[in-house]
């Protein structure tokens, strides 16, 4: 796909982060876009801000959709086809994702399954809903977003990430399995899997919103205590992230700082990540690593998979390997 001009792209999770930037950059390159998000105000804003930078004839629409609900995905599909007056789509970016359910042992089943449903079933439902429309395009591309945690199922010592990692491994495996399936049974469509490392997004705040919680600064003391229980507070105090005797306000500020730092201090911006993804799709790549951290972990885990969770061995030499003076 040498150009996106005249195409129609579907982007899930289009209200912020990489999804918003994919919508903006696609529109600027002459591609009409139907973006959806759980947060209807955010995805409406994406559509409004993407239109001024787009050439004449490009239509950008925003839609409310919880991708973990198949009925909503099907409604979104029918809605966008009507609004764009099309009988097919050319690109589908299954980008929506949330965090949560880090521990299968300690976290609630509800939180674990909510994260898994968004991050895996959302990709599956979109593939089911949109594959016939990609086939009808004659030159379709399905782009599924996995993660560095689809290569490596932890965040480091004492930081399990089981629901998210399980879903992202499933996305990567599904996407790789589709390579031969599509080649054999639907050669009009190809698949690409995106594997981002740390990209500056609002996934922390968005994950809280997906759990029905307000922004941290508006949470009640009870909500804060439920979100960060005493044992977690003790661990944060021990790590120096919280003061002794931390108040509910201290916890609120910790969450605010955590989200802002994750977004603003990331090694790669959402705009840069979106540009890498679109370059990869245009070039025909089926595996798109986004960020030096993703490339680094990918290389380390593939080189010695049995050491993937021996953190001292896994990370040995990483700083030296990627220092400014290294080739």
Protein backbone atom coordinates (compact mmCIF):
# COMPACT_ATOMS: atom_id res chain seq x y z
CA UNK A 1 0.00 0.00 0.00
CA UNK A 2 2.07 2.89 -1.32
CA UNK A 3 -0.45 5.54 -0.34
CA UNK A 4 -3.39 6.01 2.02
CA UNK A 5 -5.06 8.54 -0.28
CA UNK A 6 -8.71 7.74 -0.94
CA UNK A 7 -8.76 4.85 1.54
CA UNK A 8 -11.06 4.35 4.54
CA UNK A 9 -9.45 3.36 7.83
CA UNK A 10 -11.04 2.15 11.06
CA UNK A 11 -9.18 3.09 14.25
CA UNK A 12 -10.23 1.76 17.66
CA UNK A 13 -9.10 3.54 20.80
CA UNK A 14 -9.10 6.72 18.73
CA UNK A 15 -9.84 9.10 21.59
CA UNK A 16 -6.25 9.53 22.75
CA UNK A 17 -2.66 8.39 22.42
CA UNK A 18 -1.62 6.35 19.41
CA UNK A 19 -5.20 5.98 18.22
CA UNK A 20 -5.73 9.72 18.06
CA UNK A 21 -2.41 10.23 16.27
CA UNK A 22 -3.14 7.46 13.78
CA UNK A 23 -6.45 9.14 12.96
CA UNK A 24 -4.83 12.57 12.55
CA UNK A 25 -1.93 11.36 10.43
CA UNK A 26 -4.09 9.16 8.22
CA UNK A 27 -6.48 12.04 7.58
CA UNK A 28 -3.58 14.37 6.77
CA UNK A 29 -2.43 11.81 4.19
CA UNK A 30 -5.79 11.77 2.43
CA UNK A 31 -7.39 8.80 4.19
CA UNK A 32 -10.94 8.98 5.54
CA UNK A 33 -11.16 7.68 9.11
CA UNK A 34 -13.82 6.20 11.37
CA UNK A 35 -12.45 6.31 14.92
CA UNK A 36 -14.13 4.84 17.97
CA UNK A 37 -13.51 5.01 21.69
CA UNK A 38 -15.18 4.25 25.01
CA UNK A 39 -14.87 7.98 25.76
CA UNK A 40 -17.23 9.60 23.26
CA UNK A 41 -16.14 13.17 24.10
CA UNK A 42 -12.50 12.30 23.43
CA UNK A 43 -13.12 10.57 20.10
CA UNK A 44 -15.41 13.39 19.00
CA UNK A 45 -12.55 15.78 19.70
CA UNK A 46 -10.21 13.57 17.64
CA UNK A 47 -12.56 13.84 14.67
CA UNK A 48 -12.93 17.61 15.05
CA UNK A 49 -9.19 18.26 15.33
CA UNK A 50 -8.26 15.87 12.49
CA UNK A 51 -10.51 17.48 9.88
CA UNK A 52 -8.71 20.85 9.44
CA UNK A 53 -5.44 19.12 8.48
CA UNK A 54 -7.08 16.83 5.93
CA UNK A 55 -7.38 17.38 2.16
CA UNK A 56 -10.76 18.07 0.58
CA UNK A 57 -12.97 15.01 0.35
CA UNK A 58 -11.58 13.33 3.49
CA UNK A 59 -14.25 12.44 6.07
CA UNK A 60 -13.33 11.82 9.72
CA UNK A 61 -16.01 10.51 12.07
CA UNK A 62 -16.00 9.72 15.78
CA UNK A 63 -18.08 6.92 17.30
CA UNK A 64 -18.81 5.62 20.80
CA UNK A 65 -17.87 1.94 21.13
CA UNK A 66 -16.73 -0.43 23.86
CA UNK A 67 -14.80 -2.98 21.78
CA UNK A 68 -15.20 -5.64 24.49
CA UNK A 69 -18.92 -5.75 23.58
CA UNK A 70 -19.49 -7.44 20.21
CA UNK A 71 -22.90 -5.83 19.77
CA UNK A 72 -21.31 -2.39 20.04
CA UNK A 73 -18.60 -3.34 17.53
CA UNK A 74 -21.26 -4.44 15.03
CA UNK A 75 -23.23 -1.24 15.59
CA UNK A 76 -20.04 0.78 15.04
CA UNK A 77 -19.39 -1.10 11.80
CA UNK A 78 -22.89 -0.44 10.46
CA UNK A 79 -22.81 3.20 11.59
CA UNK A 80 -19.52 4.00 9.87
CA UNK A 81 -20.51 2.33 6.62
CA UNK A 82 -23.63 4.47 6.52
CA UNK A 83 -21.86 7.71 7.41
CA UNK A 84 -19.02 7.13 4.95
CA UNK A 85 -21.34 5.71 2.26
CA UNK A 86 -18.98 2.78 1.65
CA UNK A 87 -19.40 -0.95 1.19
CA UNK A 88 -15.89 -1.82 2.34
CA UNK A 89 -12.99 -0.60 4.48
CA UNK A 90 -9.32 -0.60 3.51
CA UNK A 91 -7.51 -0.59 6.85
CA UNK A 92 -8.45 -1.62 10.39
CA UNK A 93 -6.23 -0.53 13.29
CA UNK A 94 -7.27 -2.54 16.36
CA UNK A 95 -5.52 -0.23 18.77
CA UNK A 96 -7.84 0.05 21.82
CA UNK A 97 -6.34 -1.19 25.07
CA UNK A 98 -6.40 -0.78 28.84
CA UNK A 99 -4.31 -1.97 31.77
CA UNK A 100 -5.38 -3.66 35.00
CA UNK A 101 -5.70 -7.09 36.54
CA UNK A 102 -1.96 -7.28 37.03
CA UNK A 103 -2.15 -10.21 39.44
CA UNK A 104 -4.17 -13.33 38.66
CA UNK A 105 -3.66 -14.28 42.31
CA UNK A 106 -4.57 -11.09 44.16
CA UNK A 107 -6.61 -8.86 41.87
CA UNK A 108 -10.35 -9.28 41.44
CA UNK A 109 -11.65 -11.55 38.72
CA UNK A 110 -13.76 -8.64 37.45
CA UNK A 111 -10.71 -6.40 36.92
CA UNK A 112 -8.71 -9.20 35.30
CA UNK A 113 -11.47 -10.13 32.88
CA UNK A 114 -12.28 -6.50 32.02
CA UNK A 115 -8.70 -5.93 30.86
CA UNK A 116 -8.54 -9.23 29.00
CA UNK A 117 -11.88 -8.57 27.30
CA UNK A 118 -10.83 -5.16 25.98
CA UNK A 119 -7.32 -6.15 24.94
CA UNK A 120 -8.07 -9.55 23.40
CA UNK A 121 -11.80 -9.89 22.67
CA UNK A 122 -11.83 -6.35 21.28
CA UNK A 123 -9.25 -7.37 18.67
CA UNK A 124 -11.10 -10.60 17.94
CA UNK A 125 -14.51 -8.96 17.58
CA UNK A 126 -13.11 -6.30 15.25
CA UNK A 127 -11.43 -8.96 13.10
CA UNK A 128 -14.72 -10.86 12.87
CA UNK A 129 -16.72 -7.72 12.07
CA UNK A 130 -14.37 -6.11 9.57
CA UNK A 131 -12.61 -8.97 7.76
CA UNK A 132 -15.38 -9.34 5.13
CA UNK A 133 -15.16 -5.59 4.48
CA UNK A 134 -11.37 -5.78 4.16
CA UNK A 135 -11.75 -8.65 1.70
CA UNK A 136 -14.24 -6.55 -0.27
CA UNK A 137 -11.66 -3.77 -0.59
CA UNK A 138 -9.41 -6.03 -2.64
CA UNK A 139 -6.33 -4.65 -0.88
CA UNK A 140 -7.07 -4.62 2.86
CA UNK A 141 -4.75 -4.46 5.85
CA UNK A 142 -5.63 -5.61 9.38
CA UNK A 143 -3.29 -3.99 11.91
CA UNK A 144 -3.45 -5.46 15.42
CA UNK A 145 -1.68 -3.80 18.34
CA UNK A 146 0.12 -6.20 20.66
CA UNK A 147 2.81 -4.90 23.03
CA UNK A 148 6.28 -5.38 24.41
CA UNK A 149 4.26 -7.40 26.96
CA UNK A 150 3.23 -9.64 24.08
CA UNK A 151 6.89 -10.66 23.95
CA UNK A 152 7.66 -10.64 27.67
CA UNK A 153 4.96 -11.20 30.27
CA UNK A 154 6.05 -9.02 33.18
CA UNK A 155 7.06 -5.49 34.08
CA UNK A 156 10.00 -6.50 36.26
CA UNK A 157 10.61 -7.72 39.83
CA UNK A 158 7.46 -7.58 41.94
CA UNK A 159 5.36 -6.21 39.05
CA UNK A 160 3.15 -8.89 37.48
CA UNK A 161 1.06 -7.83 34.49
CA UNK A 162 -0.89 -11.00 33.83
CA UNK A 163 -4.21 -9.93 32.25
CA UNK A 164 -2.61 -7.42 29.88
CA UNK A 165 0.28 -9.71 28.94
CA UNK A 166 -2.00 -12.71 28.39
CA UNK A 167 -4.18 -10.66 26.05
CA UNK A 168 -1.23 -9.18 24.18
CA UNK A 169 0.37 -12.61 23.70
CA UNK A 170 -2.98 -13.74 22.28
CA UNK A 171 -3.05 -10.77 19.88
CA UNK A 172 0.45 -11.55 18.65
CA UNK A 173 -0.28 -15.26 18.21
CA UNK A 174 -3.58 -14.58 16.46
CA UNK A 175 -1.94 -12.11 14.09
CA UNK A 176 0.88 -14.48 13.21
CA UNK A 177 -1.61 -17.32 12.70
CA UNK A 178 -3.54 -15.13 10.26
CA UNK A 179 -0.51 -14.72 8.00
CA UNK A 180 -0.92 -18.14 6.41
CA UNK A 181 -4.69 -18.22 6.89
CA UNK A 182 -5.13 -15.00 4.89
CA UNK A 183 -2.48 -16.00 2.35
CA UNK A 184 -4.41 -19.22 1.73
CA UNK A 185 -8.02 -18.13 2.10
CA UNK A 186 -8.18 -14.35 1.66
CA UNK A 187 -5.13 -13.13 -0.29
CA UNK A 188 -6.82 -9.74 -0.72
CA UNK A 189 -5.95 -9.00 2.93
CA UNK A 190 -2.70 -8.96 4.86
CA UNK A 191 -2.08 -8.65 8.57
CA UNK A 192 0.45 -6.66 10.56
CA UNK A 193 1.13 -6.87 14.29
CA UNK A 194 2.36 -3.77 16.11
CA UNK A 195 4.60 -4.27 19.14
CA UNK A 196 5.10 -0.96 21.00
CA UNK A 197 7.31 -0.40 23.99
CA UNK A 198 6.76 2.57 26.30
CA UNK A 199 4.88 5.19 24.31
CA UNK A 200 3.58 8.40 25.89
CA UNK A 201 -0.18 7.88 26.24
CA UNK A 202 -2.91 8.32 28.86
CA UNK A 203 -3.43 4.56 29.27
CA UNK A 204 -3.29 4.82 33.07
CA UNK A 205 -6.10 7.39 33.26
CA UNK A 206 -8.03 5.60 30.51
CA UNK A 207 -7.75 2.29 32.36
CA UNK A 208 -9.22 3.88 35.49
CA UNK A 209 -12.06 5.33 33.40
CA UNK A 210 -12.76 1.89 31.92
CA UNK A 211 -13.22 0.61 35.48
CA UNK A 212 -15.87 3.27 36.06
CA UNK A 213 -13.60 5.44 38.20
CA UNK A 214 -13.26 9.21 37.92
CA UNK A 215 -9.97 11.02 37.36
CA UNK A 216 -7.68 10.53 40.40
CA UNK A 217 -8.14 14.09 41.64
CA UNK A 218 -11.90 13.47 41.86
CA UNK A 219 -11.80 10.05 43.55
CA UNK A 220 -13.29 9.62 47.01
CA UNK A 221 -11.12 8.41 49.88
CA UNK A 222 -12.90 5.03 49.67
CA UNK A 223 -12.12 4.70 45.94
CA UNK A 224 -8.48 5.55 46.56
CA UNK A 225 -8.23 2.99 49.39
CA UNK A 226 -9.79 0.31 47.18
CA UNK A 227 -7.49 1.11 44.28
CA UNK A 228 -4.33 1.25 46.42
CA UNK A 229 -4.94 -1.05 49.41
CA UNK A 230 -2.78 -0.99 52.57
CA UNK A 231 -0.33 -3.66 51.39
CA UNK A 232 0.28 -1.77 48.14
CA UNK A 233 0.70 1.46 50.10
CA UNK A 234 3.27 -0.25 52.33
CA UNK A 235 5.22 -1.42 49.29
CA UNK A 236 5.18 2.11 47.83
CA UNK A 237 6.36 3.57 51.15
CA UNK A 238 9.13 0.97 51.30
CA UNK A 239 10.18 1.90 47.76
CA UNK A 240 10.28 5.59 48.67
CA UNK A 241 7.40 6.49 46.37
CA UNK A 242 5.15 7.54 49.27
CA UNK A 243 5.89 9.17 52.63
CA UNK A 244 5.21 7.39 55.91
CA UNK A 245 1.61 7.88 56.98
CA UNK A 246 0.57 8.87 53.45
CA UNK A 247 -2.85 10.50 53.23
CA UNK A 248 -5.54 9.96 50.62
CA UNK A 249 -4.41 13.22 49.01
CA UNK A 250 -0.87 11.85 48.77
CA UNK A 251 -2.26 8.80 46.97
CA UNK A 252 -4.29 10.96 44.61
CA UNK A 253 -1.22 12.98 43.71
CA UNK A 254 0.78 9.78 43.20
CA UNK A 255 -1.76 8.61 40.61
CA UNK A 256 -1.81 12.00 38.86
CA UNK A 257 1.99 12.08 38.70
CA UNK A 258 2.11 8.48 37.52
CA UNK A 259 -0.18 9.14 34.58
CA UNK A 260 1.52 12.42 33.66
CA UNK A 261 5.01 10.94 33.90
CA UNK A 262 4.03 7.88 31.86
CA UNK A 263 2.71 10.17 29.14
CA UNK A 264 5.19 13.06 29.25
CA UNK A 265 8.46 11.29 30.11
CA UNK A 266 8.13 8.38 27.69
CA UNK A 267 11.04 7.82 25.31
CA UNK A 268 8.64 7.96 22.34
CA UNK A 269 5.64 10.22 21.77
CA UNK A 270 2.31 8.94 20.49
CA UNK A 271 2.81 11.00 17.32
CA UNK A 272 6.20 9.40 16.64
CA UNK A 273 4.80 5.94 17.36
CA UNK A 274 1.92 6.49 14.92
CA UNK A 275 4.37 7.59 12.22
CA UNK A 276 6.42 4.41 12.72
CA UNK A 277 3.28 2.27 12.48
CA UNK A 278 2.08 3.94 9.28
CA UNK A 279 5.53 3.68 7.72
CA UNK A 280 5.53 -0.02 8.55
CA UNK A 281 2.08 -0.58 7.06
CA UNK A 282 3.03 1.30 3.90
CA UNK A 283 6.22 -0.73 3.50
CA UNK A 284 4.38 -4.05 3.78
CA UNK A 285 5.95 -5.13 7.08
CA UNK A 286 4.00 -7.73 9.05
CA UNK A 287 5.88 -7.15 12.33
CA UNK A 288 6.29 -3.53 13.47
CA UNK A 289 8.43 -2.94 16.56
CA UNK A 290 7.90 0.53 18.01
CA UNK A 291 10.64 1.96 20.23
CA UNK A 292 14.15 0.98 21.21
CA UNK A 293 12.89 -0.76 24.36
CA UNK A 294 10.66 -3.06 22.29
CA UNK A 295 13.56 -3.87 19.98
CA UNK A 296 15.87 -4.48 22.94
CA UNK A 297 13.53 -6.84 24.80
CA UNK A 298 12.66 -8.65 21.58
CA UNK A 299 16.31 -9.32 20.86
CA UNK A 300 17.12 -10.38 24.44
CA UNK A 301 14.16 -12.74 24.82
CA UNK A 302 14.66 -14.36 21.41
CA UNK A 303 18.39 -14.80 22.05
CA UNK A 304 17.90 -16.57 25.39
CA UNK A 305 14.22 -17.27 26.16
CA UNK A 306 14.99 -19.34 29.26
CA UNK A 307 16.46 -16.22 30.89
CA UNK A 308 13.41 -14.06 30.17
CA UNK A 309 12.38 -13.95 33.84
CA UNK A 310 15.87 -14.06 35.34
CA UNK A 311 15.95 -10.29 35.46
CA UNK A 312 19.63 -9.88 36.31
CA UNK A 313 20.62 -11.99 33.31
CA UNK A 314 17.94 -10.56 31.00
CA UNK A 315 18.91 -6.95 31.61
CA UNK A 316 22.67 -7.54 31.86
CA UNK A 317 24.45 -5.30 29.41
CA UNK A 318 21.30 -3.54 28.22
CA UNK A 319 22.46 -0.09 29.28
CA UNK A 320 25.87 -0.62 27.70
CA UNK A 321 24.37 -2.11 24.52
CA UNK A 322 22.23 1.00 23.99
CA UNK A 323 24.47 3.75 25.35
CA UNK A 324 25.08 6.78 23.07
CA UNK A 325 28.63 5.61 22.36
CA UNK A 326 27.55 2.14 21.27
CA UNK A 327 27.22 1.37 17.54
